[in-house]
Amino acid sequence: MAAFTAHSRVLGGVCCHQQQQLAAPRVSICAHRHATTQYVPQAALQQASSRQGVLSVQLPSLKPSRRSAVVAHAAAAYPFKKKDARLVLEDGSVWHGTAFGATGTEVGEVVFNTSITGYQEIMTDPSYKGQFVCFTHPHIGNVGINDDDEESEKCHLGAIIVRDVSIVVSNYRSVMSLDEYCKKHNVLGLCNLDTRALTKVLRETGCLNGVICTDASKTDEELVAMTKNWTIVGKDLLSVVSCKEPYEWKDPTGEEWEFNEGAKTAAGGKAFKVVAYDFGIKHNILRRLASYGCSITVVPADYPADKVLALNPDGVFFSNGPGDPSAAPYAVDNARAILGKKPVFGICMGHQILGQAFGGKTFKLKFGHHGGNHPIRYNPTGRVEISAQNHNFAVDPDTLPEGVEVTHINLNDGTCAGMLYPAKKAMTIQYHPEASPGPHDADICFEQFVDMMKAEVSAPVAA
């Protein structure tokens, strides 16, 4: 066995090595302590290991004073930002984390989202107005932010909560990091906390109000009081996120992103005129409608029904949006005035608004549906779709009048996920069919809406 050298001496904290031929496995061990040299007797230290013949060597422990100095020095060189922010929930629990993005104090409803990709689309989805999004996927921010994936003109949610924010951004389209983006849009970020544990709390307890705070001067008790004095129920958020004036949408799905080659010809060469109510509409919903041959006029959430009908559209679209549908009775009244006169299609908030216009009621789900992996069954054929969803309220099917067919069922909890009301020329789904982010399974809904408008145009005029 080859001989080896292991004779070290420490003088003033600097090691000087001297070579000495020793027969293995004899080892001379130097314990580093201050400016003196200490040689530990081999007989006292050398113990044969019971596994793999490895030597087990025990060094003397440092004195408490020396240990404290070493720890203090290591802590001073800690390369990562320390936990400097809190999430305080209405149940009194306090979750410590590290702040990124904007600073300050913000209150909102905490929900979890199970999507693995598409954090930029989620952040710019107006449906998240008034909410903090806890991402169950642990690593967020690795592809940065780009100019093409915005679903609206700004970021609407109150804050994002993640396990780990990527310190490396790697994507050819990226123009800034997630941290820079949150600063730009004044969005609070909280990382380095256990998002799995937080998700379990929300699953068991239901959605909870929370406060994210970077101000150390505010007490936990003050922040808990803030959560108890705030609610999203009964709050009209549609008028907050909606456009203020009507406008024309002309932009179809980009050619490189078009996943349905038949979409552009589905309208048979005729541009169907659609009026879209903006309850918080996403850009890619409008792009999909345009790809299916629709000419779209977008109107504010409170745009009167008579003005919509005066535009003589081939169909009316009711978009997604945030909050409680019961807090926007004007939207229900407008939908009720349009039903039966024109083919209508409602998604997400539009589904809930039309459900109330049909005569049904809505209720708040325990923790809502937020993510890109929710299974839906289409009852007429049994087809199963994987869908992208974002909503906290649902239509109660037991309150719907005769003639309304529940066409889609959420296979996770059995809630109503789609309706058809032939007598009123109406169809709805309780999810986002445009796949931004999410799968493409539900894109067929746009085709079905176009088919409704085709049938209406080709129907014989009553004498």
Protein backbone atom coordinates (compact mmCIF):
# COMPACT_ATOMS: atom_id res chain seq x y z
CA MET A 1 0.00 0.00 0.00
CA ALA A 2 1.34 3.38 -0.94
CA ALA A 3 2.61 5.57 1.82
CA PHE A 4 1.13 9.02 2.14
CA THR A 5 1.74 12.31 3.88
CA ALA A 6 -0.57 13.78 6.51
CA HIS A 7 1.45 15.94 8.85
CA SER A 8 0.06 19.47 9.23
CA ARG A 9 0.95 22.25 11.57
CA VAL A 10 -0.94 25.50 12.18
CA LEU A 11 0.93 28.68 13.07
CA GLY A 12 -1.12 31.89 13.41
CA GLY A 13 -3.94 30.29 11.49
CA VAL A 14 -1.72 29.49 8.46
CA CYS A 15 -1.07 25.81 7.61
CA CYS A 16 2.46 24.75 6.72
CA HIS A 17 2.73 21.24 5.31
CA GLN A 18 5.73 19.04 5.90
CA GLN A 19 6.03 15.75 4.16
CA GLN A 20 6.77 12.66 6.12
CA GLN A 21 6.55 9.09 4.88
CA LEU A 22 4.19 7.10 7.06
CA ALA A 23 2.88 3.60 6.67
CA ALA A 24 -0.86 3.62 6.00
CA PRO A 25 -3.23 3.77 7.74
CA ARG A 26 -1.33 5.78 10.40
CA VAL A 27 -2.62 9.37 10.37
CA SER A 28 -1.33 12.45 12.18
CA ILE A 29 -4.12 14.93 12.75
CA CYS A 30 -3.68 18.55 13.64
CA ALA A 31 -6.53 20.31 15.41
CA HIS A 32 -6.62 23.96 14.27
CA ARG A 33 -6.88 26.16 17.29
CA HIS A 34 -5.57 29.71 17.59
CA ALA A 35 -1.81 30.11 17.11
CA THR A 36 -0.71 26.98 18.89
CA THR A 37 -0.09 23.56 17.47
CA GLN A 38 -2.01 20.64 18.87
CA TYR A 39 -1.32 17.11 17.81
CA VAL A 40 -4.03 14.67 18.68
CA PRO A 41 -2.72 11.21 19.59
CA GLN A 42 -3.62 8.73 16.93
CA ALA A 43 -4.48 6.04 19.40
CA ALA A 44 -7.12 8.26 20.96
CA LEU A 45 -8.75 9.18 17.66
CA GLN A 46 -8.35 6.30 15.27
CA GLN A 47 -11.37 3.98 15.23
CA ALA A 48 -12.00 1.32 12.65
CA SER A 49 -15.33 1.74 10.94
CA SER A 50 -17.66 -1.22 10.73
CA ARG A 51 -18.64 -0.23 7.20
CA GLN A 52 -16.37 -0.29 4.16
CA GLY A 53 -13.22 -0.15 6.32
CA VAL A 54 -13.38 3.64 6.62
CA LEU A 55 -11.60 5.36 9.48
CA SER A 56 -13.79 7.39 11.82
CA VAL A 57 -11.95 10.33 13.35
CA GLN A 58 -13.36 12.53 16.10
CA LEU A 59 -11.86 15.98 16.52
CA PRO A 60 -12.08 17.92 19.77
CA SER A 61 -14.89 20.47 19.77
CA LEU A 62 -14.17 24.17 19.76
CA LYS A 63 -14.61 26.25 22.86
CA PRO A 64 -18.01 27.99 23.03
CA SER A 65 -16.43 31.41 22.52
CA ARG A 66 -14.53 30.22 19.48
CA ARG A 67 -17.62 28.46 18.10
CA SER A 68 -19.67 31.68 18.42
CA ALA A 69 -17.05 33.61 16.52
CA VAL A 70 -17.03 31.05 13.71
CA VAL A 71 -20.82 31.07 13.45
CA ALA A 72 -20.93 34.87 13.47
CA HIS A 73 -18.35 35.02 10.71
CA ALA A 74 -20.28 32.50 8.60
CA ALA A 75 -23.55 34.35 9.14
CA ALA A 76 -21.97 37.64 8.05
CA ALA A 77 -20.95 36.02 4.78
CA TYR A 78 -24.42 34.47 4.15
CA PRO A 79 -24.97 35.07 0.42
CA PHE A 80 -28.78 35.10 0.36
CA LYS A 81 -31.30 37.68 1.48
CA LYS A 82 -32.77 36.88 4.88
CA LYS A 83 -36.47 36.48 5.64
CA ASP A 84 -37.78 40.02 5.94
CA ALA A 85 -41.51 39.80 5.18
CA ARG A 86 -44.63 38.11 6.53
CA LEU A 87 -47.83 36.58 5.31
CA VAL A 88 -50.41 36.82 8.07
CA LEU A 89 -53.66 34.90 7.59
CA GLU A 90 -57.04 35.58 9.15
CA ASP A 91 -56.69 32.38 11.20
CA GLY A 92 -53.84 34.10 13.07
CA SER A 93 -51.00 32.10 11.52
CA VAL A 94 -47.83 33.94 10.52
CA TRP A 95 -45.69 32.75 7.61
CA HIS A 96 -42.22 34.27 7.36
CA GLY A 97 -40.54 34.64 4.00
CA THR A 98 -38.24 36.73 1.87
CA ALA A 99 -39.61 39.72 -0.02
CA PHE A 100 -39.02 40.39 -3.70
CA GLY A 101 -40.68 42.76 -6.13
CA ALA A 102 -42.48 45.69 -4.52
CA THR A 103 -42.51 46.53 -0.82
CA GLY A 104 -45.37 47.61 1.42
CA THR A 105 -48.51 46.11 2.91
CA GLU A 106 -51.29 44.53 0.87
CA VAL A 107 -54.46 42.62 1.79
CA GLY A 108 -56.18 40.02 -0.40
CA GLU A 109 -57.68 36.55 -0.64
CA VAL A 110 -55.06 33.79 -0.70
CA VAL A 111 -55.59 31.05 -3.31
CA PHE A 112 -53.33 28.34 -4.70
CA ASN A 113 -52.69 27.62 -8.37
CA THR A 114 -51.54 24.19 -9.57
CA SER A 115 -50.21 25.26 -12.98
CA ILE A 116 -46.66 24.20 -13.75
CA THR A 117 -46.11 26.75 -16.53
CA GLY A 118 -47.48 30.14 -17.48
CA TYR A 119 -46.84 32.30 -14.43
CA GLN A 120 -46.77 35.45 -16.58
CA GLU A 121 -50.20 34.71 -18.08
CA ILE A 122 -51.56 34.01 -14.60
CA MET A 123 -50.17 37.25 -13.20
CA THR A 124 -51.74 39.30 -16.00
CA ASP A 125 -55.12 37.53 -15.86
CA PRO A 126 -57.60 40.16 -14.59
CA SER A 127 -59.60 37.34 -12.97
CA TYR A 128 -57.05 37.39 -10.12
CA LYS A 129 -57.86 40.93 -9.06
CA GLY A 130 -58.05 41.06 -5.25
CA GLN A 131 -56.15 37.80 -4.75
CA PHE A 132 -52.73 36.53 -3.72
CA VAL A 133 -51.63 33.53 -5.78
CA CYS A 134 -49.64 30.78 -4.08
CA PHE A 135 -47.93 28.69 -6.77
CA THR A 136 -47.76 25.00 -5.90
CA HIS A 137 -44.97 24.52 -8.44
CA PRO A 138 -41.85 25.19 -6.37
CA HIS A 139 -39.60 26.90 -8.93
CA ILE A 140 -40.93 30.11 -10.51
CA GLY A 141 -39.24 32.75 -12.66
CA ASN A 142 -36.77 30.66 -14.66
CA VAL A 143 -37.90 31.94 -18.09
CA GLY A 144 -38.23 35.55 -16.98
CA ILE A 145 -40.79 37.91 -18.52
CA ASN A 146 -41.39 38.61 -22.22
CA ASP A 147 -43.49 41.08 -24.19
CA ASP A 148 -45.71 38.49 -25.91
CA ASP A 149 -47.30 36.57 -23.04
CA GLU A 150 -49.22 39.43 -21.41
CA GLU A 151 -52.93 38.63 -21.03
CA SER A 152 -53.85 42.24 -20.27
CA GLU A 153 -52.25 45.64 -20.08
CA LYS A 154 -50.98 45.18 -16.52
CA CYS A 155 -50.57 42.78 -13.61
CA HIS A 156 -53.81 42.63 -11.61
CA LEU A 157 -53.22 40.28 -8.68
CA GLY A 158 -52.18 41.64 -5.30
CA ALA A 159 -49.15 39.44 -4.66
CA ILE A 160 -47.49 36.16 -5.58
CA ILE A 161 -46.21 33.55 -3.14
CA VAL A 162 -43.58 31.04 -4.26
CA ARG A 163 -41.23 28.52 -2.74
CA ASP A 164 -38.22 29.51 -4.79
CA VAL A 165 -37.61 32.42 -7.17
CA SER A 166 -35.10 31.50 -9.85
CA ILE A 167 -31.89 33.49 -9.65
CA VAL A 168 -31.14 32.55 -13.26
CA VAL A 169 -33.29 33.67 -16.20
CA SER A 170 -32.83 31.68 -19.40
CA ASN A 171 -35.12 32.24 -22.38
CA TYR A 172 -34.50 33.89 -25.73
CA ARG A 173 -37.68 36.01 -25.42
CA SER A 174 -37.03 37.27 -21.89
CA VAL A 175 -36.66 41.02 -21.39
CA MET A 176 -36.56 41.16 -17.59
CA SER A 177 -36.60 39.02 -14.46
CA LEU A 178 -39.67 38.24 -12.38
CA ASP A 179 -38.33 40.42 -9.58
CA GLU A 180 -37.89 43.39 -11.95
CA TYR A 181 -41.37 42.83 -13.36
CA CYS A 182 -42.99 42.82 -9.91
CA LYS A 183 -41.18 46.03 -9.03
CA LYS A 184 -42.35 47.63 -12.29
CA HIS A 185 -46.00 46.72 -11.66
CA ASN A 186 -45.91 47.31 -7.89
CA VAL A 187 -46.69 43.69 -7.07
CA LEU A 188 -45.50 42.20 -3.78
CA GLY A 189 -43.65 38.90 -3.91
CA LEU A 190 -42.94 36.48 -1.08
CA CYS A 191 -40.59 33.50 -1.37
CA ASN A 192 -38.67 31.04 0.80
CA LEU A 193 -41.68 29.74 2.66
CA ASP A 194 -43.32 26.31 2.66
CA THR A 195 -45.91 26.62 -0.11
CA ARG A 196 -46.88 22.95 0.28
CA ALA A 197 -47.87 23.53 3.90
CA LEU A 198 -49.73 26.73 2.96
CA THR A 199 -51.63 24.90 0.21
CA LYS A 200 -52.65 22.19 2.66
CA VAL A 201 -54.05 24.85 5.00
CA LEU A 202 -56.08 26.40 2.17
CA ARG A 203 -57.34 22.96 1.11
CA GLU A 204 -58.50 22.14 4.62
CA THR A 205 -59.72 25.54 5.76
CA GLY A 206 -60.72 27.08 2.46
CA CYS A 207 -59.58 30.37 0.95
CA LEU A 208 -58.36 32.75 3.64
CA ASN A 209 -57.83 36.48 3.66
CA GLY A 210 -54.21 37.42 4.16
CA VAL A 211 -51.85 40.34 4.47
CA ILE A 212 -48.34 40.44 3.05
CA CYS A 213 -46.20 43.01 4.82
CA THR A 214 -42.59 44.13 4.53
CA ASP A 215 -42.96 46.73 7.30
CA ALA A 216 -41.44 45.32 10.49
CA SER A 217 -43.07 48.06 12.61
CA LYS A 218 -46.56 46.58 12.11
CA THR A 219 -47.51 43.95 14.66
CA ASP A 220 -48.99 40.58 13.78
CA GLU A 221 -52.17 41.56 15.65
CA GLU A 222 -52.60 44.66 13.47
CA LEU A 223 -52.25 42.60 10.33
CA VAL A 224 -54.73 39.95 11.51
CA ALA A 225 -57.24 42.75 12.15
CA MET A 226 -56.75 43.95 8.56
CA THR A 227 -57.64 40.50 7.21
CA LYS A 228 -60.83 40.35 9.26
CA ASN A 229 -62.00 43.76 8.02
CA TRP A 230 -61.70 42.83 4.32
CA THR A 231 -63.71 40.52 2.06
CA ILE A 232 -63.96 39.75 -1.64
CA VAL A 233 -67.58 38.57 -1.32
CA GLY A 234 -70.03 41.19 -2.52
CA LYS A 235 -67.28 43.34 -4.03
CA ASP A 236 -67.77 44.48 -7.64
CA LEU A 237 -64.42 44.00 -9.33
CA LEU A 238 -65.70 43.77 -12.91
CA SER A 239 -65.99 47.52 -13.28
CA VAL A 240 -62.47 47.91 -11.87
CA VAL A 241 -60.71 45.71 -14.46
CA SER A 242 -62.96 46.41 -17.46
CA CYS A 243 -62.17 48.76 -20.33
CA LYS A 244 -63.73 52.21 -20.13
CA GLU A 245 -64.72 52.64 -23.78
CA PRO A 246 -65.62 50.25 -26.62
CA TYR A 247 -62.85 49.27 -29.02
CA GLU A 248 -62.26 46.97 -31.99
CA TRP A 249 -60.01 43.91 -31.67
CA LYS A 250 -58.14 42.96 -34.85
CA ASP A 251 -55.26 40.73 -33.71
CA PRO A 252 -55.67 36.96 -34.44
CA THR A 253 -53.54 34.22 -32.95
CA GLY A 254 -49.98 34.56 -34.22
CA GLU A 255 -49.19 32.13 -37.00
CA GLU A 256 -46.42 30.44 -35.02
CA TRP A 257 -48.82 29.88 -32.09
CA GLU A 258 -51.84 28.71 -34.10
CA PHE A 259 -52.59 25.18 -32.90
CA ASN A 260 -55.83 24.61 -34.86
CA GLU A 261 -55.22 24.82 -38.58
CA GLY A 262 -58.95 24.73 -39.31
CA ALA A 263 -59.73 27.69 -37.09
CA LYS A 264 -59.27 30.40 -39.70
CA THR A 265 -61.71 28.77 -42.11
CA ALA A 266 -64.24 27.62 -39.52
CA ALA A 267 -66.44 30.62 -40.22
CA GLY A 268 -66.81 29.63 -43.86
CA GLY A 269 -65.23 32.81 -45.17
CA LYS A 270 -67.78 35.08 -43.45
CA ALA A 271 -66.69 37.33 -40.62
CA PHE A 272 -69.21 36.99 -37.82
CA LYS A 273 -69.69 40.16 -35.83
CA VAL A 274 -69.29 39.54 -32.10
CA VAL A 275 -69.73 41.97 -29.23
CA ALA A 276 -67.59 40.90 -26.26
CA TYR A 277 -68.37 42.10 -22.74
CA ASP A 278 -65.12 42.87 -20.96
CA PHE A 279 -65.43 41.58 -17.39
CA GLY A 280 -61.65 41.13 -17.34
CA ILE A 281 -61.13 39.58 -20.76
CA LYS A 282 -57.80 37.98 -21.69
CA HIS A 283 -56.01 38.83 -24.92
CA ASN A 284 -55.75 35.23 -26.05
CA ILE A 285 -59.51 34.74 -25.75
CA LEU A 286 -59.93 37.58 -28.22
CA ARG A 287 -57.21 36.11 -30.44
CA ARG A 288 -58.97 32.75 -30.56
CA LEU A 289 -62.30 34.38 -31.50
CA ALA A 290 -60.51 36.33 -34.23
CA SER A 291 -58.86 33.13 -35.47
CA TYR A 292 -62.28 31.58 -35.91
CA GLY A 293 -63.27 34.38 -38.26
CA CYS A 294 -64.96 36.76 -35.83
CA SER A 295 -64.90 40.54 -36.04
CA ILE A 296 -64.92 41.68 -32.41
CA THR A 297 -66.10 44.83 -30.66
CA VAL A 298 -65.14 44.87 -26.98
CA VAL A 299 -67.42 46.84 -24.66
CA PRO A 300 -67.22 47.77 -20.95
CA ALA A 301 -68.76 45.54 -18.28
CA ASP A 302 -71.70 47.89 -17.74
CA TYR A 303 -72.43 48.63 -21.41
CA PRO A 304 -76.24 48.77 -21.82
CA ALA A 305 -77.91 45.84 -23.57
CA ASP A 306 -79.85 48.08 -25.93
CA LYS A 307 -76.62 49.59 -27.24
CA VAL A 308 -75.19 46.11 -27.77
CA LEU A 309 -78.29 45.03 -29.72
CA ALA A 310 -78.17 48.27 -31.73
CA LEU A 311 -74.79 47.09 -33.07
CA ASN A 312 -76.69 44.13 -34.59
CA PRO A 313 -74.07 41.50 -33.75
CA ASP A 314 -74.23 37.88 -34.85
CA GLY A 315 -73.37 36.84 -31.31
CA VAL A 316 -72.53 38.20 -27.84
CA PHE A 317 -69.63 36.95 -25.74
CA PHE A 318 -69.48 37.24 -21.92
CA SER A 319 -65.89 37.03 -20.70
CA ASN A 320 -64.00 35.84 -17.66
CA GLY A 321 -63.54 38.18 -14.70
CA PRO A 322 -62.78 38.46 -10.98
CA GLY A 323 -64.81 38.29 -7.80
CA ASP A 324 -68.44 37.71 -6.94
CA PRO A 325 -71.01 37.63 -9.79
CA SER A 326 -73.73 38.67 -7.34
CA ALA A 327 -71.90 41.96 -6.85
CA ALA A 328 -72.57 42.99 -10.47
CA PRO A 329 -76.38 42.97 -10.92
CA TYR A 330 -76.07 45.34 -13.88
CA ALA A 331 -74.22 42.61 -15.79
CA VAL A 332 -76.97 40.09 -15.01
CA ASP A 333 -79.65 42.54 -16.13
CA ASN A 334 -77.86 43.18 -19.43
CA ALA A 335 -77.44 39.45 -20.03
CA ARG A 336 -81.11 38.82 -19.30
CA ALA A 337 -82.10 41.51 -21.83
CA ILE A 338 -79.95 39.92 -24.55
CA LEU A 339 -80.91 36.27 -23.97
CA GLY A 340 -83.04 34.84 -26.74
CA LYS A 341 -82.30 37.69 -29.12
CA LYS A 342 -78.76 36.71 -30.13
CA PRO A 343 -76.58 33.62 -29.71
CA VAL A 344 -74.49 34.07 -26.55
CA PHE A 345 -71.40 32.35 -25.15
CA GLY A 346 -70.14 32.87 -21.60
CA ILE A 347 -66.96 31.64 -19.97
CA CYS A 348 -65.96 31.64 -16.29
CA MET A 349 -67.49 34.86 -14.87
CA GLY A 350 -69.64 35.04 -18.00
CA HIS A 351 -70.87 31.51 -17.20
CA GLN A 352 -71.86 32.65 -13.70
CA ILE A 353 -73.50 35.87 -14.96
CA LEU A 354 -75.56 33.91 -17.50
CA GLY A 355 -76.41 31.31 -14.85
CA GLN A 356 -77.98 34.06 -12.77
CA ALA A 357 -79.65 35.52 -15.86
CA PHE A 358 -81.18 32.08 -16.53
CA GLY A 359 -82.74 32.27 -13.06
CA GLY A 360 -80.17 30.22 -11.14
CA LYS A 361 -78.00 31.06 -8.15
CA THR A 362 -74.26 31.03 -7.52
CA PHE A 363 -72.28 30.08 -4.43
CA LYS A 364 -68.70 30.40 -3.21
CA LEU A 365 -66.48 27.34 -3.45
CA LYS A 366 -64.34 26.27 -0.51
CA PHE A 367 -60.99 26.96 -2.18
CA GLY A 368 -61.97 27.53 -5.81
CA HIS A 369 -60.52 26.09 -8.99
CA HIS A 370 -57.17 27.53 -10.04
CA GLY A 371 -54.83 25.69 -12.37
CA GLY A 372 -54.25 24.17 -15.78
CA ASN A 373 -55.06 20.52 -15.08
CA HIS A 374 -58.77 20.25 -14.18
CA PRO A 375 -60.64 17.33 -15.81
CA ILE A 376 -64.06 18.09 -17.34
CA ARG A 377 -66.60 15.66 -18.77
CA TYR A 378 -68.75 16.77 -21.69
CA ASN A 379 -71.96 14.92 -20.90
CA PRO A 380 -73.49 14.63 -24.41
CA THR A 381 -70.59 12.49 -25.67
CA GLY A 382 -68.64 11.53 -22.54
CA ARG A 383 -65.53 13.28 -23.87
CA VAL A 384 -63.09 14.33 -21.14
CA GLU A 385 -61.19 17.60 -21.47
CA ILE A 386 -58.29 18.86 -19.37
CA SER A 387 -59.01 22.51 -18.70
CA ALA A 388 -57.48 25.71 -17.34
CA GLN A 389 -59.59 27.27 -14.59
CA ASN A 390 -59.61 30.29 -12.33
CA HIS A 391 -62.73 31.00 -10.29
CA ASN A 392 -64.01 30.96 -6.71
CA PHE A 393 -67.75 30.84 -7.42
CA ALA A 394 -69.95 28.25 -9.14
CA VAL A 395 -73.52 27.88 -10.45
CA ASP A 396 -75.87 25.77 -8.34
CA PRO A 397 -77.48 23.37 -10.86
CA ASP A 398 -80.40 22.66 -8.52
CA THR A 399 -81.58 26.26 -8.93
CA LEU A 400 -81.61 26.28 -12.74
CA PRO A 401 -84.97 26.43 -14.51
CA GLU A 402 -86.37 23.74 -16.75
CA GLY A 403 -84.83 23.80 -20.20
CA VAL A 404 -81.26 24.43 -19.02
CA GLU A 405 -79.00 21.43 -19.63
CA VAL A 406 -75.84 20.94 -17.57
CA THR A 407 -73.46 19.92 -20.35
CA HIS A 408 -70.12 19.86 -18.50
CA ILE A 409 -69.16 18.44 -15.08
CA ASN A 410 -65.97 19.09 -13.15
CA LEU A 411 -64.65 15.61 -12.40
CA ASN A 412 -62.74 16.76 -9.32
CA ASP A 413 -65.78 17.83 -7.31
CA GLY A 414 -68.85 17.32 -9.53
CA THR A 415 -69.69 21.01 -9.86
CA CYS A 416 -71.43 22.48 -12.89
CA ALA A 417 -68.83 23.37 -15.53
CA GLY A 418 -71.03 24.17 -18.52
CA MET A 419 -74.63 24.80 -19.57
CA LEU A 420 -76.75 24.89 -22.71
CA TYR A 421 -80.05 26.76 -22.91
CA PRO A 422 -81.39 26.14 -26.46
CA ALA A 423 -84.52 28.24 -25.98
CA LYS A 424 -82.34 31.25 -25.16
CA LYS A 425 -79.60 30.48 -27.75
CA ALA A 426 -77.02 30.31 -24.96
CA MET A 427 -74.00 28.17 -24.12
CA THR A 428 -71.53 28.51 -21.23
CA ILE A 429 -68.42 26.89 -19.74
CA GLN A 430 -66.87 27.43 -16.31
CA TYR A 431 -63.25 27.56 -17.46
CA HIS A 432 -60.84 29.19 -19.90
CA PRO A 433 -60.86 27.61 -23.38
CA GLU A 434 -58.05 29.68 -24.88
CA ALA A 435 -55.22 27.69 -23.22
CA SER A 436 -53.13 30.59 -21.91
CA PRO A 437 -51.76 28.89 -19.95
CA GLY A 438 -53.11 25.37 -20.19
CA PRO A 439 -54.07 22.60 -22.63
CA HIS A 440 -55.91 23.05 -25.94
CA ASP A 441 -58.72 20.56 -25.30
CA ALA A 442 -61.44 23.19 -24.87
CA ASP A 443 -60.69 25.15 -28.05
CA ILE A 444 -63.65 23.34 -29.62
CA CYS A 445 -65.94 25.65 -27.63
CA PHE A 446 -65.10 28.54 -29.96
CA GLU A 447 -66.07 26.37 -32.91
CA GLN A 448 -69.38 25.51 -31.23
CA PHE A 449 -70.10 29.21 -30.71
CA VAL A 450 -69.38 29.88 -34.37
CA ASP A 451 -71.70 27.02 -35.31
CA MET A 452 -74.46 28.63 -33.21
CA MET A 453 -74.04 31.88 -35.12
CA LYS A 454 -74.03 30.04 -38.45
CA ALA A 455 -77.27 28.32 -37.54
CA GLU A 456 -78.84 31.64 -36.55
CA VAL A 457 -77.81 33.35 -39.81
CA SER A 458 -79.05 30.50 -41.97
CA ALA A 459 -82.33 30.06 -40.07
CA PRO A 460 -85.40 31.02 -42.14
CA VAL A 461 -86.97 34.35 -41.25
CA ALA A 462 -90.45 33.99 -39.73
CA ALA A 463 -93.25 35.35 -41.94
